Amino acid sequence: MNRPSGKSIIILLVGIILAFSSYFVANVDIGGYSAVSVVFIISMALPSFISVIRDLRSRGVILILVLGAYAILIETLAIVTGFPYSEFHYTGLIGLKILGHTPFTVPFAWLPLFLGSAYLAKESVGGKLKFLGLSTLLVVLTDVVIDPAAVTLKFWIWSNPGIFYGVPLQNFAGWVLSGFIASLILLVVLGDSMKEMKSGAISSLYLIMCFWTAACLFLGLEIPFITGLILLALILIKTKANLW
């Protein structure tokens, strides 16, 4: 049995620290601490970005740039038109907005969710169709955890709040569409080199889930909390806690 590496142990411990730190985010007014939010978002994304670039080299750089641009475009489309997520707008808590609409931190917040979901799907199923289905499902589940908590903390606001802890169901249908397209982009950019993705690609997803799952607990969001626990269990089981 492979034991977690030293770097993996550090990541595991940081995740635990983030889980405890979420108590303060859930119980303290963070309106004046947008810079801290920005640092947190970027810092938690870096492990996956570094791993993908290290393992995939130029293809990894291209993947991050293309998917980052895609994240900005589809998020801006949703803010301006309401499609595919439903109408919403960001507050000023997660960074300066590009053209007054989409925070520049969106690729740092979204891309690690997708990269981790894609790695987990790659390691769990064979064949492109199964990969597309599972990676899409997993990235939607990450939003089931994050969106209710982020809305409660007023990171963004829905124009027409829905029945799932204030999140409209159209949002999740939108994530199915955007996650599926992102999975297609990954297959096109990486091709057969997708198999070179290593477990470091999931490290940021682990950190993000530790933080937001605990935040859901402290905010009293039961279903998102349980979903987060399931995702964390899948991450640890599938990687055997080797996150780097």
Protein backbone atom coordinates (compact mmCIF):
# COMPACT_ATOMS: atom_id res chain seq x y z
CA MET A 1 0.00 0.00 0.00
CA ASN A 2 1.37 3.40 -1.01
CA ARG A 3 1.65 5.82 1.87
CA PRO A 4 0.88 9.52 1.35
CA SER A 5 3.95 11.52 0.39
CA GLY A 6 5.26 14.33 2.56
CA LYS A 7 3.65 16.92 0.28
CA SER A 8 0.36 15.02 0.39
CA ILE A 9 0.43 15.08 4.20
CA ILE A 10 0.95 18.85 4.11
CA ILE A 11 -2.04 19.26 1.77
CA LEU A 12 -4.16 17.01 3.99
CA LEU A 13 -3.27 19.09 7.04
CA VAL A 14 -3.94 22.38 5.23
CA GLY A 15 -7.37 21.05 4.31
CA ILE A 16 -8.12 20.38 7.98
CA ILE A 17 -6.96 23.89 8.89
CA LEU A 18 -9.20 25.36 6.17
CA ALA A 19 -12.14 23.39 7.52
CA PHE A 20 -11.69 24.91 10.97
CA SER A 21 -11.09 28.38 9.54
CA SER A 22 -14.44 28.27 7.74
CA TYR A 23 -16.12 28.65 11.14
CA PHE A 24 -14.96 32.25 11.27
CA VAL A 25 -16.06 32.93 7.69
CA ALA A 26 -19.49 31.52 8.54
CA ASN A 27 -19.83 33.57 11.72
CA VAL A 28 -18.04 36.85 11.02
CA ASP A 29 -19.09 39.64 8.67
CA ILE A 30 -16.54 39.47 5.84
CA GLY A 31 -17.83 42.49 3.94
CA GLY A 32 -14.62 44.45 4.46
CA TYR A 33 -12.23 41.59 3.68
CA SER A 34 -12.53 41.12 -0.08
CA ALA A 35 -8.73 41.11 -0.45
CA VAL A 36 -8.54 38.13 1.90
CA SER A 37 -11.13 36.28 -0.18
CA VAL A 38 -9.12 36.94 -3.33
CA VAL A 39 -5.92 35.60 -1.74
CA PHE A 40 -7.76 32.51 -0.49
CA ILE A 41 -9.28 31.75 -3.90
CA ILE A 42 -6.01 32.11 -5.79
CA SER A 43 -3.96 30.25 -3.17
CA MET A 44 -6.31 27.26 -3.15
CA ALA A 45 -6.18 27.06 -6.96
CA LEU A 46 -2.39 27.04 -7.24
CA PRO A 47 -1.69 23.40 -6.27
CA SER A 48 -3.82 22.05 -9.12
CA PHE A 49 -2.51 24.59 -11.61
CA ILE A 50 1.09 23.77 -10.72
CA SER A 51 0.43 20.03 -10.95
CA VAL A 52 -1.31 20.22 -14.33
CA ILE A 53 1.45 22.38 -15.82
CA ARG A 54 4.15 20.17 -14.31
CA ASP A 55 2.63 16.96 -15.68
CA LEU A 56 1.23 18.14 -19.01
CA ARG A 57 3.70 20.96 -19.79
CA SER A 58 2.59 23.07 -22.76
CA ARG A 59 -0.74 21.24 -23.06
CA GLY A 60 -1.38 21.97 -19.41
CA VAL A 61 -0.75 25.68 -19.95
CA ILE A 62 -3.03 25.70 -22.98
CA LEU A 63 -5.75 23.82 -21.05
CA ILE A 64 -5.69 26.29 -18.16
CA LEU A 65 -5.73 29.32 -20.48
CA VAL A 66 -8.54 27.97 -22.68
CA LEU A 67 -10.71 26.82 -19.79
CA GLY A 68 -10.00 30.04 -17.89
CA ALA A 69 -11.22 32.09 -20.86
CA TYR A 70 -14.21 29.77 -21.20
CA ALA A 71 -15.10 30.30 -17.53
CA ILE A 72 -15.05 34.08 -17.93
CA LEU A 73 -17.12 33.96 -21.12
CA ILE A 74 -19.87 31.66 -19.89
CA GLU A 75 -20.08 33.45 -16.53
CA THR A 76 -20.38 36.83 -18.24
CA LEU A 77 -23.03 35.42 -20.58
CA ALA A 78 -25.03 34.22 -17.58
CA ILE A 79 -24.75 37.56 -15.78
CA VAL A 80 -25.81 39.55 -18.85
CA THR A 81 -28.52 37.23 -20.21
CA GLY A 82 -29.46 34.82 -17.41
CA PHE A 83 -28.44 31.83 -19.57
CA PRO A 84 -27.53 29.15 -18.63
CA TYR A 85 -27.56 29.62 -14.85
CA SER A 86 -30.45 32.08 -14.28
CA GLU A 87 -30.06 35.78 -13.51
CA PHE A 88 -27.60 36.77 -10.79
CA HIS A 89 -24.86 39.23 -9.99
CA TYR A 90 -21.66 39.19 -7.97
CA THR A 91 -21.09 41.40 -4.98
CA GLY A 92 -17.64 42.88 -4.44
CA LEU A 93 -16.42 40.13 -2.11
CA ILE A 94 -14.29 38.10 -4.52
CA GLY A 95 -12.36 40.66 -6.49
CA LEU A 96 -12.52 43.31 -9.18
CA LYS A 97 -14.99 42.71 -11.99
CA ILE A 98 -14.00 42.48 -15.64
CA LEU A 99 -16.06 45.07 -17.57
CA GLY A 100 -18.17 45.48 -14.46
CA HIS A 101 -19.63 41.96 -14.60
CA THR A 102 -17.40 38.99 -13.78
CA PRO A 103 -14.74 38.92 -11.02
CA PHE A 104 -11.27 38.19 -12.36
CA THR A 105 -11.03 35.40 -9.77
CA VAL A 106 -13.70 33.25 -11.47
CA PRO A 107 -11.18 31.03 -13.35
CA PHE A 108 -9.26 30.49 -10.09
CA ALA A 109 -12.49 29.54 -8.31
CA TRP A 110 -14.07 27.35 -11.00
CA LEU A 111 -11.18 25.70 -12.83
CA PRO A 112 -9.86 23.70 -9.82
CA LEU A 113 -13.36 22.29 -9.34
CA PHE A 114 -13.40 21.07 -12.91
CA LEU A 115 -9.81 19.80 -12.98
CA GLY A 116 -10.37 17.79 -9.82
CA SER A 117 -13.65 16.40 -11.13
CA ALA A 118 -12.00 15.49 -14.44
CA TYR A 119 -9.15 13.70 -12.69
CA LEU A 120 -11.56 11.76 -10.47
CA ALA A 121 -13.64 10.78 -13.52
CA LYS A 122 -10.53 9.72 -15.44
CA GLU A 123 -9.46 7.47 -12.60
CA SER A 124 -12.93 5.98 -12.10
CA VAL A 125 -14.23 5.06 -15.58
CA GLY A 126 -12.96 4.10 -19.01
CA GLY A 127 -14.13 5.48 -22.33
CA LYS A 128 -14.85 9.03 -23.43
CA LEU A 129 -18.63 8.90 -23.02
CA LYS A 130 -18.41 7.62 -19.44
CA PHE A 131 -15.75 10.22 -18.72
CA LEU A 132 -17.96 13.01 -20.08
CA GLY A 133 -20.91 11.86 -17.98
CA LEU A 134 -19.03 11.37 -14.71
CA SER A 135 -16.88 14.51 -14.92
CA THR A 136 -20.03 16.56 -15.59
CA LEU A 137 -21.88 14.98 -12.67
CA LEU A 138 -18.97 15.53 -10.28
CA VAL A 139 -18.49 19.19 -11.13
CA VAL A 140 -22.24 19.77 -10.65
CA LEU A 141 -21.99 18.15 -7.21
CA THR A 142 -19.20 20.56 -6.26
CA ASP A 143 -21.62 23.41 -6.97
CA VAL A 144 -24.28 21.71 -4.83
CA VAL A 145 -21.81 22.21 -1.97
CA ILE A 146 -20.51 25.68 -2.77
CA ASP A 147 -23.43 27.65 -4.19
CA PRO A 148 -25.77 27.55 -1.16
CA ALA A 149 -22.97 28.58 1.19
CA ALA A 150 -21.69 31.31 -1.12
CA VAL A 151 -25.22 32.70 -1.50
CA THR A 152 -25.72 32.65 2.28
CA LEU A 153 -22.46 34.60 2.64
CA LYS A 154 -23.57 36.97 -0.18
CA PHE A 155 -20.69 36.29 -2.56
CA TRP A 156 -23.30 36.48 -5.29
CA ILE A 157 -27.05 37.14 -5.35
CA TRP A 158 -29.74 35.45 -7.44
CA SER A 159 -32.38 37.73 -8.95
CA ASN A 160 -35.01 35.00 -8.44
CA PRO A 161 -33.91 32.79 -5.53
CA GLY A 162 -34.84 29.13 -5.86
CA ILE A 163 -36.01 26.32 -3.62
CA PHE A 164 -32.58 24.76 -2.96
CA TYR A 165 -31.26 26.96 -0.14
CA GLY A 166 -32.05 30.00 -2.27
CA VAL A 167 -30.37 28.61 -5.42
CA PRO A 168 -32.60 28.24 -8.53
CA LEU A 169 -32.71 24.75 -10.04
CA GLN A 170 -31.86 26.23 -13.45
CA ASN A 171 -28.40 26.91 -12.05
CA PHE A 172 -27.67 23.21 -11.75
CA ALA A 173 -29.00 22.53 -15.26
CA GLY A 174 -26.62 25.26 -16.41
CA TRP A 175 -23.73 23.55 -14.64
CA VAL A 176 -24.58 20.32 -16.47
CA LEU A 177 -24.26 22.18 -19.77
CA SER A 178 -21.12 24.14 -18.88
CA GLY A 179 -19.47 21.11 -17.26
CA PHE A 180 -20.17 18.93 -20.30
CA ILE A 181 -18.71 21.54 -22.66
CA ALA A 182 -15.65 21.92 -20.42
CA SER A 183 -15.15 18.14 -20.49
CA LEU A 184 -15.29 18.19 -24.29
CA ILE A 185 -12.73 21.00 -24.35
CA LEU A 186 -10.42 18.98 -22.10
CA LEU A 187 -10.67 15.94 -24.38
CA VAL A 188 -9.88 18.06 -27.45
CA VAL A 189 -6.94 19.90 -25.86
CA LEU A 190 -5.34 16.93 -24.10
CA GLY A 191 -6.26 13.98 -26.30
CA ASP A 192 -4.37 10.87 -25.20
CA SER A 193 -2.16 12.95 -22.90
CA MET A 194 -5.07 13.14 -20.45
CA LYS A 195 -3.70 9.94 -18.94
CA GLU A 196 -0.66 11.94 -17.82
CA MET A 197 -2.76 13.93 -15.33
CA LYS A 198 -1.55 13.02 -11.87
CA SER A 199 -3.22 13.20 -8.47
CA GLY A 200 -1.97 16.75 -7.88
CA ALA A 201 -4.75 17.87 -10.22
CA ILE A 202 -7.25 17.04 -7.50
CA SER A 203 -5.38 18.70 -4.62
CA SER A 204 -7.14 22.05 -4.98
CA LEU A 205 -10.56 20.39 -5.15
CA TYR A 206 -9.74 18.65 -1.86
CA LEU A 207 -8.79 21.97 -0.23
CA ILE A 208 -11.87 23.76 -1.58
CA MET A 209 -14.20 20.96 -0.47
CA CYS A 210 -12.66 20.92 3.02
CA PHE A 211 -13.36 24.63 3.38
CA TRP A 212 -16.86 24.75 1.90
CA THR A 213 -18.10 21.46 3.37
CA ALA A 214 -17.24 22.69 6.84
CA ALA A 215 -18.77 26.09 6.04
CA CYS A 216 -22.01 24.32 5.10
CA LEU A 217 -21.97 22.59 8.48
CA PHE A 218 -21.51 25.86 10.34
CA LEU A 219 -24.19 27.56 8.23
CA GLY A 220 -26.71 24.77 8.82
CA LEU A 221 -26.86 23.63 5.16
CA GLU A 222 -27.49 19.91 5.60
CA ILE A 223 -27.67 18.54 2.05
CA PRO A 224 -24.65 20.52 0.79
CA PHE A 225 -22.71 19.38 3.88
CA ILE A 226 -23.50 15.70 3.24
CA THR A 227 -22.67 16.09 -0.46
CA GLY A 228 -19.33 17.62 0.47
CA LEU A 229 -18.52 14.72 2.78
CA ILE A 230 -19.29 12.25 -0.01
CA LEU A 231 -17.01 14.10 -2.42
CA LEU A 232 -14.20 14.26 0.14
CA ALA A 233 -14.56 10.54 0.78
CA LEU A 234 -14.37 9.83 -2.97
CA ILE A 235 -11.26 11.99 -3.30
CA LEU A 236 -9.44 10.32 -0.42
CA ILE A 237 -10.47 6.79 -1.39
CA LYS A 238 -9.66 7.14 -5.08
CA THR A 239 -6.28 8.80 -4.46
CA LYS A 240 -5.49 6.73 -1.37
CA ALA A 241 -4.83 10.15 0.23
CA ASN A 242 -1.94 10.76 -2.20
CA LEU A 243 -2.83 14.27 -3.29
CA TRP A 244 0.51 15.15 -4.89
